[in-house]
């Protein structure tokens, strides 16, 4: 079947009308495997334009499923992005907008609030077995762990390796130092084991690989296998592992009843992997948020490349609808279900609804249709990670870009469209009131998980934390154990 990009108003609905879903109003409840890469950019795999790596298994899923070209994560760094995927809400709304680091005094005691309802909890309500393999990064204190967010099983390295190198099987530490060159093999073997163990029951598996986030090391069979050094090697090894997962599903006769989702938490650390877009992880240019997104369900989704704008927060309502679990009525969700696309129907996102690019607490950009407005911001408002190595700079006045003609955001046309700038600035002001801004809570922000409710929850600026007295920091300071020991001064 010839494949081309379809717009919202043209060929997509015609294309999908032949879908197996088009003839039934109630699709079968699938098993679901959600594969989330770490720091993988838009053009990091073959089907999205990579030329120095070969990813035939990811490419197969794209060729036989829905490949989206306009997918955005909820944040341009790890923790908030993962919160958005799992809760269906902007990270600011879910209270987890900062990067959680067990070695940072201001944040080690924080995490995803236990009252947040996650995707695996939705699956548990429908009798699914749930498992997680890989990186958590939503708080390592006991109240914030995966056990309390709907997972029956856990296996993997839950943190950034630079924060904590331990590797767990359940609650047992099986490696004090995760063997990086064995990581993909370990994960692949456990994924295959889960498939074999769960084949006779409905299951949801969240496979959150730590790669290509650094540090990484390819297994012996894949070293020097790509044309892009060690990073390319580990991406090809990950693709091999996905091939093993597909084979296991086929061997156990459940591939046709398993929806596989493939994406990344945010963009890459190098802009060469986010082409044709500008920017990287840490920033609000397209390269920080726009990443691969593939939905593969053999025999149930017809092949198509779609340019319909979709976002991370769409995953929660999509999966909830597919398994027949209503959305919780006591909270706001920021996504819509993509399931209608499988039946040749349009999704329910209102025309003209904006997408908001937050960076920690700072609202940095607004997108409506093809128009994207970068908002004025000071260095004080921006999280430290975005200003490191000059990745982001303050903006004195609004900058407007048209992504349809200027995807790299190089041609500021704010002066030519003052009315559009004014309209989008007003939208930003309204959203700040609801979801917050630097050092300001919003009216619709839910609580951040914390061990110490009386200790202030601040931004990612250590300068703000440093202003607090020891009494204000309280147990967050006295119980903190994650800092590196100070280096001893060399004797002269």
Protein backbone atom coordinates (compact mmCIF):
# COMPACT_ATOMS: atom_id res chain seq x y z
CA UNK A 1 0.00 0.00 0.00
CA UNK A 2 1.36 3.38 -0.91
CA UNK A 3 1.94 5.54 2.13
CA UNK A 4 1.72 9.32 2.29
CA UNK A 5 0.85 12.00 4.80
CA UNK A 6 -2.84 12.77 5.15
CA UNK A 7 -4.20 15.98 6.65
CA UNK A 8 -7.05 16.09 9.13
CA UNK A 9 -9.57 17.12 6.52
CA UNK A 10 -8.54 14.97 3.57
CA UNK A 11 -7.44 11.43 2.96
CA UNK A 12 -7.06 10.03 6.48
CA UNK A 13 -10.70 9.15 7.05
CA UNK A 14 -10.97 7.56 3.62
CA UNK A 15 -7.81 5.60 4.22
CA UNK A 16 -8.96 4.28 7.56
CA UNK A 17 -12.44 3.35 6.40
CA UNK A 18 -11.12 -0.07 5.41
CA UNK A 19 -9.88 -0.70 8.95
CA UNK A 20 -11.05 -3.82 10.72
CA UNK A 21 -12.56 -1.45 13.28
CA UNK A 22 -14.79 0.19 10.69
CA UNK A 23 -17.20 -2.75 10.74
CA UNK A 24 -17.64 -3.00 14.48
CA UNK A 25 -18.57 -0.53 17.18
CA UNK A 26 -16.75 -2.36 19.97
CA UNK A 27 -13.12 -3.33 19.22
CA UNK A 28 -11.58 -6.27 21.08
CA UNK A 29 -9.79 -5.43 24.31
CA UNK A 30 -6.10 -5.66 23.52
CA UNK A 31 -3.01 -6.48 25.47
CA UNK A 32 -0.85 -3.34 25.47
CA UNK A 33 2.93 -2.87 25.41
CA UNK A 34 4.05 0.73 25.77
CA UNK A 35 7.69 1.17 24.71
CA UNK A 36 9.12 4.50 25.86
CA UNK A 37 12.67 5.42 24.90
CA UNK A 38 14.79 7.95 26.81
CA UNK A 39 16.19 11.01 24.98
CA UNK A 40 15.40 9.60 21.53
CA UNK A 41 14.98 12.35 18.94
CA UNK A 42 12.59 12.72 16.03
CA UNK A 43 15.10 11.51 13.43
CA UNK A 44 16.78 8.81 15.53
CA UNK A 45 15.26 5.80 13.72
CA UNK A 46 15.12 4.88 10.04
CA UNK A 47 11.43 5.46 9.48
CA UNK A 48 11.80 9.03 10.75
CA UNK A 49 14.83 9.85 8.62
CA UNK A 50 17.89 8.33 10.30
CA UNK A 51 20.55 7.28 7.79
CA UNK A 52 23.36 6.02 10.02
CA UNK A 53 21.38 3.38 11.90
CA UNK A 54 19.18 0.52 10.77
CA UNK A 55 15.99 -0.11 12.74
CA UNK A 56 14.01 -2.70 10.74
CA UNK A 57 11.73 -3.78 13.58
CA UNK A 58 10.68 -0.27 14.56
CA UNK A 59 10.29 0.45 10.86
CA UNK A 60 8.06 -2.61 10.52
CA UNK A 61 5.73 -1.31 13.23
CA UNK A 62 5.58 2.07 11.47
CA UNK A 63 4.96 0.48 8.06
CA UNK A 64 2.20 -1.79 9.36
CA UNK A 65 0.67 0.69 11.81
CA UNK A 66 0.02 4.38 12.37
CA UNK A 67 3.11 6.57 12.22
CA UNK A 68 2.54 10.10 13.52
CA UNK A 69 4.69 13.01 12.35
CA UNK A 70 3.25 15.65 14.70
CA UNK A 71 3.45 14.07 18.16
CA UNK A 72 4.50 16.11 21.20
CA UNK A 73 5.57 15.05 24.68
CA UNK A 74 4.29 16.89 27.75
CA UNK A 75 7.76 18.15 28.68
CA UNK A 76 11.29 18.33 27.32
CA UNK A 77 12.85 16.46 30.28
CA UNK A 78 12.32 13.05 31.86
CA UNK A 79 10.24 13.22 35.05
CA UNK A 80 7.53 15.66 33.90
CA UNK A 81 7.24 13.93 30.54
CA UNK A 82 6.69 10.53 32.15
CA UNK A 83 4.11 12.01 34.48
CA UNK A 84 2.20 13.39 31.49
CA UNK A 85 2.17 10.03 29.69
CA UNK A 86 0.97 8.10 32.74
CA UNK A 87 -1.63 10.57 34.08
CA UNK A 88 -3.08 12.11 30.92
CA UNK A 89 -2.45 15.59 32.32
CA UNK A 90 0.07 18.33 31.81
CA UNK A 91 2.86 17.76 34.36
CA UNK A 92 1.98 21.10 35.94
CA UNK A 93 -1.60 19.95 36.48
CA UNK A 94 -0.42 16.63 37.94
CA UNK A 95 1.98 18.43 40.29
CA UNK A 96 5.14 16.79 38.94
CA UNK A 97 6.76 19.52 36.84
CA UNK A 98 10.32 19.33 38.20
CA UNK A 99 13.11 16.89 37.41
CA UNK A 100 13.32 14.47 40.36
CA UNK A 101 16.88 13.81 41.48
CA UNK A 102 17.64 11.83 44.67
CA UNK A 103 20.94 13.69 44.93
CA UNK A 104 19.34 17.14 44.96
CA UNK A 105 18.39 18.36 48.42
CA UNK A 106 15.47 20.44 47.16
CA UNK A 107 13.73 17.52 45.42
CA UNK A 108 14.83 14.13 46.77
CA UNK A 109 11.71 13.92 48.96
CA UNK A 110 9.27 14.60 46.08
CA UNK A 111 7.51 12.36 43.55
CA UNK A 112 4.31 11.62 41.67
CA UNK A 113 1.51 12.03 44.19
CA UNK A 114 -0.02 8.69 45.28
CA UNK A 115 -3.49 10.14 44.59
CA UNK A 116 -2.68 10.50 40.90
CA UNK A 117 -4.47 7.85 38.81
CA UNK A 118 -2.18 6.24 36.26
CA UNK A 119 -2.64 4.15 33.12
CA UNK A 120 -1.74 0.86 34.88
CA UNK A 121 -4.34 1.62 37.55
CA UNK A 122 -6.94 1.92 34.80
CA UNK A 123 -5.87 -1.49 33.50
CA UNK A 124 -6.04 -3.01 36.99
CA UNK A 125 -9.70 -1.97 37.23
CA UNK A 126 -10.36 -4.13 34.17
CA UNK A 127 -8.56 -7.18 35.53
CA UNK A 128 -5.31 -6.80 33.60
CA UNK A 129 -1.94 -8.02 34.85
CA UNK A 130 0.45 -5.07 34.83
CA UNK A 131 4.24 -4.96 34.71
CA UNK A 132 6.95 -2.38 34.29
CA UNK A 133 10.40 -2.94 32.82
CA UNK A 134 12.90 -0.08 32.88
CA UNK A 135 13.18 3.49 34.11
CA UNK A 136 10.68 5.03 36.55
CA UNK A 137 12.15 8.45 37.50
CA UNK A 138 9.02 9.66 39.30
CA UNK A 139 10.38 9.54 42.84
CA UNK A 140 12.32 6.82 44.64
CA UNK A 141 10.88 7.27 48.14
CA UNK A 142 8.52 4.46 49.13
CA UNK A 143 5.18 6.35 48.76
CA UNK A 144 6.02 7.27 45.16
CA UNK A 145 7.16 3.90 43.84
CA UNK A 146 5.59 1.86 41.03
CA UNK A 147 3.96 -0.52 43.56
CA UNK A 148 1.62 2.29 44.55
CA UNK A 149 0.83 3.33 40.98
CA UNK A 150 -0.72 0.16 39.62
CA UNK A 151 2.14 -2.18 38.73
CA UNK A 152 2.15 -5.85 39.80
CA UNK A 153 5.74 -6.45 38.69
CA UNK A 154 8.87 -4.32 38.36
CA UNK A 155 12.25 -5.06 36.78
CA UNK A 156 14.98 -2.61 35.84
CA UNK A 157 17.08 0.43 36.65
CA UNK A 158 14.52 2.95 37.91
CA UNK A 159 16.71 6.06 37.93
CA UNK A 160 19.11 7.95 35.72
CA UNK A 161 22.38 6.07 36.02
CA UNK A 162 24.07 9.27 37.11
CA UNK A 163 21.68 9.46 40.05
CA UNK A 164 21.49 5.82 41.13
CA UNK A 165 23.08 2.81 39.39
CA UNK A 166 21.08 0.11 41.15
CA UNK A 167 19.05 -2.49 39.22
CA UNK A 168 16.01 -4.19 40.77
CA UNK A 169 14.02 -7.37 40.32
CA UNK A 170 10.89 -6.60 42.26
CA UNK A 171 12.09 -5.07 45.53
CA UNK A 172 15.43 -6.86 45.46
CA UNK A 173 18.58 -5.13 44.26
CA UNK A 174 20.28 -7.62 41.93
CA UNK A 175 23.01 -5.25 40.64
CA UNK A 176 24.54 -2.42 42.63
CA UNK A 177 25.99 -1.17 39.34
CA UNK A 178 23.78 -1.81 36.35
CA UNK A 179 25.76 -3.68 33.65
CA UNK A 180 25.27 -1.25 30.80
CA UNK A 181 26.44 -3.63 28.09
CA UNK A 182 23.85 -6.19 29.25
CA UNK A 183 20.97 -3.76 29.77
CA UNK A 184 19.08 -4.34 26.53
CA UNK A 185 19.56 -8.10 26.76
CA UNK A 186 18.29 -8.15 30.35
CA UNK A 187 15.26 -6.08 29.41
CA UNK A 188 14.53 -8.13 26.30
CA UNK A 189 14.72 -11.43 28.18
CA UNK A 190 12.33 -10.15 30.85
CA UNK A 191 9.90 -8.80 28.25
CA UNK A 192 9.85 -12.19 26.49
CA UNK A 193 9.36 -13.94 29.85
CA UNK A 194 6.43 -11.67 30.69
CA UNK A 195 4.81 -12.38 27.33
CA UNK A 196 5.14 -16.11 27.87
CA UNK A 197 3.87 -15.89 31.46
CA UNK A 198 0.96 -13.57 30.67
CA UNK A 199 -0.12 -14.97 27.28
CA UNK A 200 -3.36 -16.47 28.65
CA UNK A 201 -4.51 -13.31 30.43
CA UNK A 202 -4.89 -9.66 29.43
CA UNK A 203 -1.78 -7.65 30.23
CA UNK A 204 -0.27 -4.18 30.14
CA UNK A 205 3.52 -3.78 30.10
CA UNK A 206 5.27 -0.43 30.35
CA UNK A 207 8.72 -0.92 28.83
CA UNK A 208 10.65 2.27 29.61
CA UNK A 209 14.17 1.77 28.27
CA UNK A 210 17.00 3.90 29.74
CA UNK A 211 18.64 4.34 26.32
CA UNK A 212 19.79 6.39 24.42
CA UNK A 213 20.14 8.52 27.56
CA UNK A 214 23.76 8.48 28.71
CA UNK A 215 25.66 6.57 29.97
CA UNK A 216 25.29 3.70 27.54
CA UNK A 217 27.29 0.76 26.30
CA UNK A 218 26.41 -1.66 23.53
CA UNK A 219 26.51 -5.40 23.98
CA UNK A 220 29.40 -7.29 22.31
CA UNK A 221 27.34 -8.35 19.28
CA UNK A 222 26.38 -4.76 18.47
CA UNK A 223 29.59 -2.84 19.04
CA UNK A 224 30.58 -0.98 15.87
CA UNK A 225 27.48 -2.29 14.13
CA UNK A 226 26.18 1.15 13.11
CA UNK A 227 27.59 4.16 11.32
CA UNK A 228 26.91 6.44 14.28
CA UNK A 229 29.29 5.25 16.97
CA UNK A 230 28.25 3.81 20.32
CA UNK A 231 24.95 5.70 20.35
CA UNK A 232 23.94 4.23 17.02
CA UNK A 233 25.04 0.79 18.19
CA UNK A 234 22.76 0.81 21.22
CA UNK A 235 19.81 2.04 19.14
CA UNK A 236 20.32 -0.91 16.77
CA UNK A 237 20.52 -3.23 19.77
CA UNK A 238 17.26 -1.83 21.13
CA UNK A 239 15.67 -2.47 17.73
CA UNK A 240 16.91 -6.07 17.89
CA UNK A 241 15.22 -6.41 21.27
CA UNK A 242 11.95 -5.11 19.87
CA UNK A 243 12.23 -7.73 17.14
CA UNK A 244 12.53 -10.41 19.83
CA UNK A 245 9.40 -9.04 21.50
CA UNK A 246 7.47 -9.18 18.22
CA UNK A 247 8.63 -12.76 17.65
CA UNK A 248 7.53 -13.76 21.15
CA UNK A 249 4.08 -12.29 20.57
CA UNK A 250 3.81 -14.16 17.26
CA UNK A 251 5.11 -17.42 18.73
CA UNK A 252 2.51 -17.25 21.49
CA UNK A 253 -0.31 -16.41 19.09
CA UNK A 254 -1.15 -13.00 20.56
CA UNK A 255 0.41 -10.48 18.18
CA UNK A 256 -2.99 -9.73 16.61
CA UNK A 257 -4.42 -9.00 20.05
CA UNK A 258 -1.60 -6.73 21.24
CA UNK A 259 -1.36 -2.99 20.71
CA UNK A 260 2.27 -1.80 20.75
CA UNK A 261 3.02 1.87 21.32
CA UNK A 262 6.47 3.28 20.57
CA UNK A 263 7.68 6.74 21.56
CA UNK A 264 10.27 8.77 23.52
CA UNK A 265 10.05 10.87 26.67
CA UNK A 266 11.63 13.95 25.06
CA UNK A 267 14.06 15.02 22.38
CA UNK A 268 17.78 14.20 22.11
CA UNK A 269 20.71 16.03 23.65
CA UNK A 270 22.17 16.74 20.20
CA UNK A 271 20.21 18.69 17.60
CA UNK A 272 21.45 16.45 14.78
CA UNK A 273 18.97 13.82 15.99
CA UNK A 274 15.96 16.16 15.92
CA UNK A 275 16.14 17.19 12.24
CA UNK A 276 14.36 18.83 10.50
CA UNK A 277 13.47 20.62 13.73
CA UNK A 278 15.61 22.89 15.87
CA UNK A 279 16.44 22.40 19.51
CA UNK A 280 17.03 19.49 21.85
CA UNK A 281 16.00 18.06 25.16
CA UNK A 282 15.67 20.83 27.80
CA UNK A 283 14.12 23.48 25.53
CA UNK A 284 10.77 24.43 24.00
CA UNK A 285 11.82 24.43 20.38
CA UNK A 286 10.22 21.59 18.42
CA UNK A 287 13.26 19.34 18.82
CA UNK A 288 12.67 19.18 22.57
CA UNK A 289 9.06 17.96 22.33
CA UNK A 290 8.47 16.42 18.88
CA UNK A 291 9.47 12.74 18.86
CA UNK A 292 8.50 9.45 17.15
CA UNK A 293 5.07 8.02 17.95
CA UNK A 294 3.88 4.72 16.46
CA UNK A 295 0.74 2.68 17.14
CA UNK A 296 1.02 -0.90 15.90
CA UNK A 297 -1.82 -3.40 16.17
CA UNK A 298 -1.53 -6.04 13.48
CA UNK A 299 -4.77 -6.56 11.59
CA UNK A 300 -6.62 -3.89 13.56
CA UNK A 301 -4.96 -0.68 12.40
CA UNK A 302 -4.45 -0.03 8.73
CA UNK A 303 -1.06 1.43 7.67
CA UNK A 304 -0.96 5.22 7.47
CA UNK A 305 1.38 8.14 8.08
CA UNK A 306 -0.61 10.83 9.86
CA UNK A 307 0.16 14.50 10.38
CA UNK A 308 -2.70 14.94 12.85
CA UNK A 309 -1.31 16.73 15.92
CA UNK A 310 -1.36 14.37 18.91
CA UNK A 311 0.16 14.68 22.38
CA UNK A 312 1.39 12.51 25.23
CA UNK A 313 -1.72 13.24 27.28
CA UNK A 314 -3.83 11.49 24.62
CA UNK A 315 -2.50 8.09 25.68
CA UNK A 316 -4.48 7.83 28.93
CA UNK A 317 -7.93 8.43 27.38
CA UNK A 318 -7.04 6.32 24.33
CA UNK A 319 -6.14 3.23 26.34
CA UNK A 320 -9.00 3.76 28.77
CA UNK A 321 -11.47 3.72 25.88
CA UNK A 322 -9.90 0.65 24.27
CA UNK A 323 -10.22 -1.41 27.47
CA UNK A 324 -13.65 -0.05 28.37
CA UNK A 325 -12.65 1.80 31.54
CA UNK A 326 -14.32 5.21 32.02
CA UNK A 327 -12.16 8.23 32.73
CA UNK A 328 -12.16 9.21 36.41
CA UNK A 329 -14.72 11.98 36.88
CA UNK A 330 -12.97 13.80 39.71
CA UNK A 331 -10.15 15.37 37.70
CA UNK A 332 -9.28 17.17 34.49
CA UNK A 333 -7.51 15.40 31.63
CA UNK A 334 -5.61 17.27 28.93
CA UNK A 335 -5.78 14.68 26.16
CA UNK A 336 -8.42 13.06 23.97
CA UNK A 337 -8.85 9.48 22.80
CA UNK A 338 -7.19 8.52 19.54
CA UNK A 339 -9.34 5.39 19.26
CA UNK A 340 -11.79 7.02 16.80
CA UNK A 341 -8.96 7.17 14.26
CA UNK A 342 -8.94 3.36 14.20
CA UNK A 343 -12.59 3.44 13.07
CA UNK A 344 -12.16 6.09 10.41
CA UNK A 345 -13.54 8.89 12.59
CA UNK A 346 -12.17 12.22 13.76
CA UNK A 347 -10.83 12.71 17.28
CA UNK A 348 -12.74 14.97 19.67
CA UNK A 349 -10.12 17.70 20.15
CA UNK A 350 -11.78 21.09 19.66
CA UNK A 351 -10.59 23.08 16.68
CA UNK A 352 -8.23 25.80 17.79
CA UNK A 353 -7.30 24.15 21.08
CA UNK A 354 -3.80 25.18 22.12
CA UNK A 355 -0.82 23.10 23.15
CA UNK A 356 1.30 24.61 25.93
CA UNK A 357 5.07 24.15 26.13
CA UNK A 358 5.99 24.34 29.80
CA UNK A 359 9.58 24.02 31.01
CA UNK A 360 9.39 23.22 34.72
CA UNK A 361 7.05 25.97 35.99
CA UNK A 362 7.77 28.39 33.16
CA UNK A 363 5.23 28.59 30.32
CA UNK A 364 7.49 29.19 27.32
CA UNK A 365 5.39 28.70 24.20
CA UNK A 366 1.86 28.27 22.88
CA UNK A 367 0.84 26.50 19.68
CA UNK A 368 -2.48 26.84 17.86
CA UNK A 369 -2.66 25.01 14.55
CA UNK A 370 0.50 25.82 12.61
CA UNK A 371 1.21 28.94 14.67
CA UNK A 372 3.67 28.78 17.56
CA UNK A 373 4.36 31.71 19.85
CA UNK A 374 7.45 31.80 22.07
CA UNK A 375 6.69 33.88 25.13
CA UNK A 376 8.93 36.48 26.75
CA UNK A 377 10.93 35.01 29.62
CA UNK A 378 13.76 35.99 31.89
CA UNK A 379 16.72 33.88 32.90
CA UNK A 380 15.33 33.69 36.43
CA UNK A 381 12.13 32.03 35.16
CA UNK A 382 13.95 29.34 33.20
CA UNK A 383 15.08 26.08 34.84
CA UNK A 384 18.82 25.62 35.17
CA UNK A 385 18.91 22.73 32.70
CA UNK A 386 17.64 24.89 29.82
CA UNK A 387 20.30 27.54 30.31
CA UNK A 388 23.17 25.07 30.76
CA UNK A 389 25.64 25.12 27.89
CA UNK A 390 23.64 27.94 26.31
CA UNK A 391 20.75 25.70 25.20
CA UNK A 392 18.22 28.46 25.93
CA UNK A 393 18.33 32.21 26.36
CA UNK A 394 15.93 34.86 27.68
CA UNK A 395 13.40 36.31 25.24
CA UNK A 396 12.54 39.99 25.52
CA UNK A 397 9.47 40.07 23.26
CA UNK A 398 7.10 37.49 21.71
CA UNK A 399 8.37 35.48 18.76
CA UNK A 400 5.89 33.96 16.29
CA UNK A 401 6.61 31.11 13.87
CA UNK A 402 4.54 29.24 11.31
CA UNK A 403 5.53 25.57 11.61
CA UNK A 404 4.03 24.61 8.25
CA UNK A 405 6.50 26.80 6.37
CA UNK A 406 9.20 27.18 9.01
CA UNK A 407 9.52 23.93 11.00
CA UNK A 408 12.98 24.91 12.27
CA UNK A 409 11.57 28.12 13.86
CA UNK A 410 14.04 30.45 12.20
CA UNK A 411 11.80 33.21 10.78
CA UNK A 412 10.09 35.33 13.45
CA UNK A 413 6.93 36.85 11.93
CA UNK A 414 5.48 38.44 15.09
CA UNK A 415 5.67 41.93 13.60
CA UNK A 416 3.55 40.87 10.62
CA UNK A 417 0.79 39.30 12.76
CA UNK A 418 0.19 41.50 15.83
CA UNK A 419 -3.43 40.38 16.31
CA UNK A 420 -2.45 36.70 16.37
CA UNK A 421 0.31 37.47 18.87
CA UNK A 422 -2.16 39.31 21.09
CA UNK A 423 -4.67 36.44 20.98
CA UNK A 424 -2.06 33.83 21.88
CA UNK A 425 -0.58 35.98 24.64
CA UNK A 426 -4.05 36.17 26.17
CA UNK A 427 -4.35 32.37 26.01
CA UNK A 428 -1.02 32.09 27.81
CA UNK A 429 -2.17 34.43 30.57
CA UNK A 430 -5.32 32.39 31.14
CA UNK A 431 -3.33 29.15 31.28
CA UNK A 432 -0.83 30.58 33.79
CA UNK A 433 -3.73 31.30 36.12
CA UNK A 434 -4.76 27.65 35.93
CA UNK A 435 -1.45 25.75 35.64
CA UNK A 436 0.95 28.19 37.24
CA UNK A 437 4.14 30.05 36.42
CA UNK A 438 7.58 30.38 37.97
CA UNK A 439 7.18 30.41 41.76
CA UNK A 440 3.38 30.65 41.41
CA UNK A 441 0.86 27.85 41.88
CA UNK A 442 -2.10 27.65 39.50
CA UNK A 443 -5.75 27.29 40.49
CA UNK A 444 -6.00 23.88 38.77
CA UNK A 445 -2.67 22.42 39.90
CA UNK A 446 -2.97 19.21 41.87
CA UNK A 447 -0.65 18.43 44.76
CA UNK A 448 2.95 17.37 44.33
CA UNK A 449 3.84 14.18 46.18
CA UNK A 450 6.05 14.98 49.18
CA UNK A 451 7.29 13.22 52.29
CA UNK A 452 7.15 16.50 54.21
CA UNK A 453 4.01 18.59 53.61
CA UNK A 454 5.37 21.49 55.68
CA UNK A 455 8.54 21.85 53.58
CA UNK A 456 8.24 24.31 50.66
CA UNK A 457 8.11 22.86 47.15
CA UNK A 458 10.15 25.16 44.96
CA UNK A 459 11.37 25.40 41.40
CA UNK A 460 14.45 23.73 39.96
CA UNK A 461 16.58 26.70 40.93
CA UNK A 462 18.89 25.86 43.79
CA UNK A 463 19.15 29.60 44.39
CA UNK A 464 15.54 29.62 45.63
CA UNK A 465 16.14 26.63 47.89
CA UNK A 466 19.31 28.21 49.24
CA UNK A 467 17.30 31.22 50.43
CA UNK A 468 15.37 29.04 52.89
CA UNK A 469 16.51 28.73 56.48
CA UNK A 470 17.46 25.35 57.91
CA UNK A 471 14.23 25.47 59.92
CA UNK A 472 12.18 25.95 56.73
CA UNK A 473 14.00 23.09 55.01
CA UNK A 474 13.41 20.94 58.09
CA UNK A 475 13.59 17.16 57.53
CA UNK A 476 14.31 17.68 53.82
CA UNK A 477 17.74 18.87 54.95
CA UNK A 478 18.30 16.82 58.09
CA UNK A 479 17.26 13.52 56.47
CA UNK A 480 18.98 14.14 53.13
CA UNK A 481 21.50 11.42 52.32
CA UNK A 482 21.93 11.67 48.59
CA UNK A 483 24.58 14.34 48.19
CA UNK A 484 28.08 13.48 47.14
CA UNK A 485 30.66 13.77 49.90
CA UNK A 486 32.64 16.98 49.51
CA UNK A 487 36.00 16.57 47.87
CA UNK A 488 38.97 16.95 50.18
CA UNK A 489 41.27 19.78 49.35
CA UNK A 490 44.67 18.72 48.23
CA UNK A 491 47.50 19.73 50.48
CA UNK A 492 49.83 22.20 48.92
